Protein backbone atom coordinates (compact mmCIF):
# COMPACT_ATOMS: atom_id res chain seq x y z
CA ASP A 1 62.95 80.16 150.59
CA LEU A 2 62.19 83.80 149.86
CA SER A 3 65.64 85.15 150.73
CA THR A 4 67.25 82.76 148.24
CA MET A 5 64.74 83.81 145.59
CA SER A 6 65.48 87.45 146.32
CA ASP A 7 69.23 86.87 145.96
CA THR A 8 68.64 85.06 142.67
CA LEU A 9 66.58 87.95 141.32
CA LYS A 10 69.38 90.41 142.12
CA SER A 11 72.13 88.34 140.52
CA PRO A 12 74.01 89.64 137.47
CA ASN A 13 72.52 86.82 135.42
CA HIS A 14 69.05 88.16 136.15
CA GLU A 15 70.11 91.67 135.13
CA ASP A 16 71.68 90.28 131.95
CA PHE A 17 68.48 88.39 131.23
CA GLN A 18 66.47 91.58 131.70
CA ALA A 19 68.81 93.43 129.33
CA LEU A 20 68.45 90.68 126.72
CA THR A 21 64.67 90.77 127.11
CA TYR A 22 64.66 94.54 126.60
CA TRP A 23 66.87 94.17 123.51
CA LEU A 24 64.50 91.58 122.08
CA ARG A 25 61.40 93.72 122.78
CA ALA A 26 63.11 96.68 121.12
CA TRP A 27 64.00 94.57 118.08
CA VAL A 28 60.44 93.27 117.66
CA GLY A 29 59.01 96.76 118.16
CA THR A 30 61.32 98.24 115.57
CA GLU A 31 60.40 95.48 113.15
CA ILE A 32 56.67 96.02 113.72
CA LYS A 33 57.07 99.74 113.00
CA ARG A 34 59.29 99.14 109.96
CA ARG A 35 56.86 96.66 108.43
CA ARG A 36 53.80 98.77 109.34
CA THR A 37 55.32 101.83 107.70
CA LYS A 38 56.37 99.82 104.64
CA ALA A 39 52.81 98.48 104.30
CA LYS A 40 51.47 102.06 104.62
CA ILE A 41 49.33 101.11 107.61
CA THR A 42 48.84 103.73 110.31
CA ALA A 43 49.28 102.86 113.96
CA GLN A 44 45.57 103.56 114.46
CA VAL A 45 44.56 101.15 111.71
CA LEU A 46 46.85 98.42 113.08
CA ALA A 47 45.50 99.02 116.59
CA THR A 48 41.91 98.68 115.40
CA ARG A 49 42.64 95.55 113.40
CA VAL A 50 44.36 93.75 116.30
CA GLY A 51 41.93 94.99 118.94
CA VAL A 52 44.06 97.37 121.04
CA GLY A 53 44.39 101.11 121.54
CA ILE A 54 46.85 103.16 119.53
CA GLY A 55 48.95 103.74 122.65
CA GLN A 56 49.58 100.01 122.92
CA VAL A 57 50.91 99.91 119.35
CA PHE A 58 53.27 102.77 120.18
CA ARG A 59 54.44 100.97 123.34
CA TRP A 60 55.15 97.80 121.34
CA GLU A 61 57.04 99.80 118.74
CA ALA A 62 59.05 101.58 121.44
CA GLY A 63 59.88 98.26 123.09
CA THR A 64 58.34 99.25 126.42
CA ASN A 65 55.63 96.57 126.26
CA GLU A 66 55.60 93.15 124.70
CA ALA A 67 52.73 91.66 122.77
CA THR A 68 51.31 88.24 123.58
CA PHE A 69 51.88 85.51 121.04
CA GLU A 70 48.24 85.75 120.02
CA ARG A 71 48.61 89.48 119.33
CA LEU A 72 51.90 88.89 117.49
CA ALA A 73 50.06 86.43 115.24
CA LEU A 74 47.41 89.08 114.48
CA ILE A 75 50.06 91.73 113.92
CA ALA A 76 52.03 89.46 111.59
CA ASP A 77 48.89 88.73 109.56
CA GLU A 78 48.22 92.45 109.17
CA LEU A 79 51.84 93.11 108.19
CA PHE A 80 51.97 90.25 105.66
CA CYS A 81 54.70 88.28 107.44
CA SER A 82 55.15 85.40 109.86
CA VAL A 83 55.59 85.86 113.60
CA GLY A 84 59.15 84.58 113.20
CA GLU A 85 59.96 87.39 110.78
CA LEU A 86 59.29 89.91 113.56
CA PHE A 87 62.17 88.45 115.58
CA PRO A 88 65.90 88.72 114.95
CA PRO A 89 67.71 85.91 113.14
CA PHE A 90 69.04 83.22 115.46
CA THR A 91 72.65 84.29 114.84
CA LYS A 92 71.89 87.76 116.21
CA ILE A 93 70.14 86.27 119.25
CA ARG A 94 73.13 84.02 119.91
CA ARG A 95 75.49 87.00 119.66
CA ALA A 96 73.27 89.05 121.98
CA ARG A 97 73.15 86.21 124.51
CA ARG A 98 76.96 86.13 124.55
CA HIS A 99 77.05 89.90 124.98
CA PHE A 100 74.58 89.80 127.88
CA ASN A 101 76.10 86.62 129.40
CA THR A 102 72.82 84.71 129.44
């Protein structure tokens, strides 16, 4: 029922999951920006190549928005890496999960 769902959404586990999700978005965004800068590609050029506005690239890089897998694949192609290379190593994810209790 809806009250049970509401209680579940307010639980500490949900908040920890949200914190982990934010951490992961921030990691991916930082990695996109690092690789974009290293490849000497402007945010505008990346935006044009993956079919979004420049603001969306900045939101990804800031970790405030997350890209779909399809967009991540396009981004990775433009940045000469795999989608997996945009994410933290598994050991860091495992450590973060312990930290956030998820």
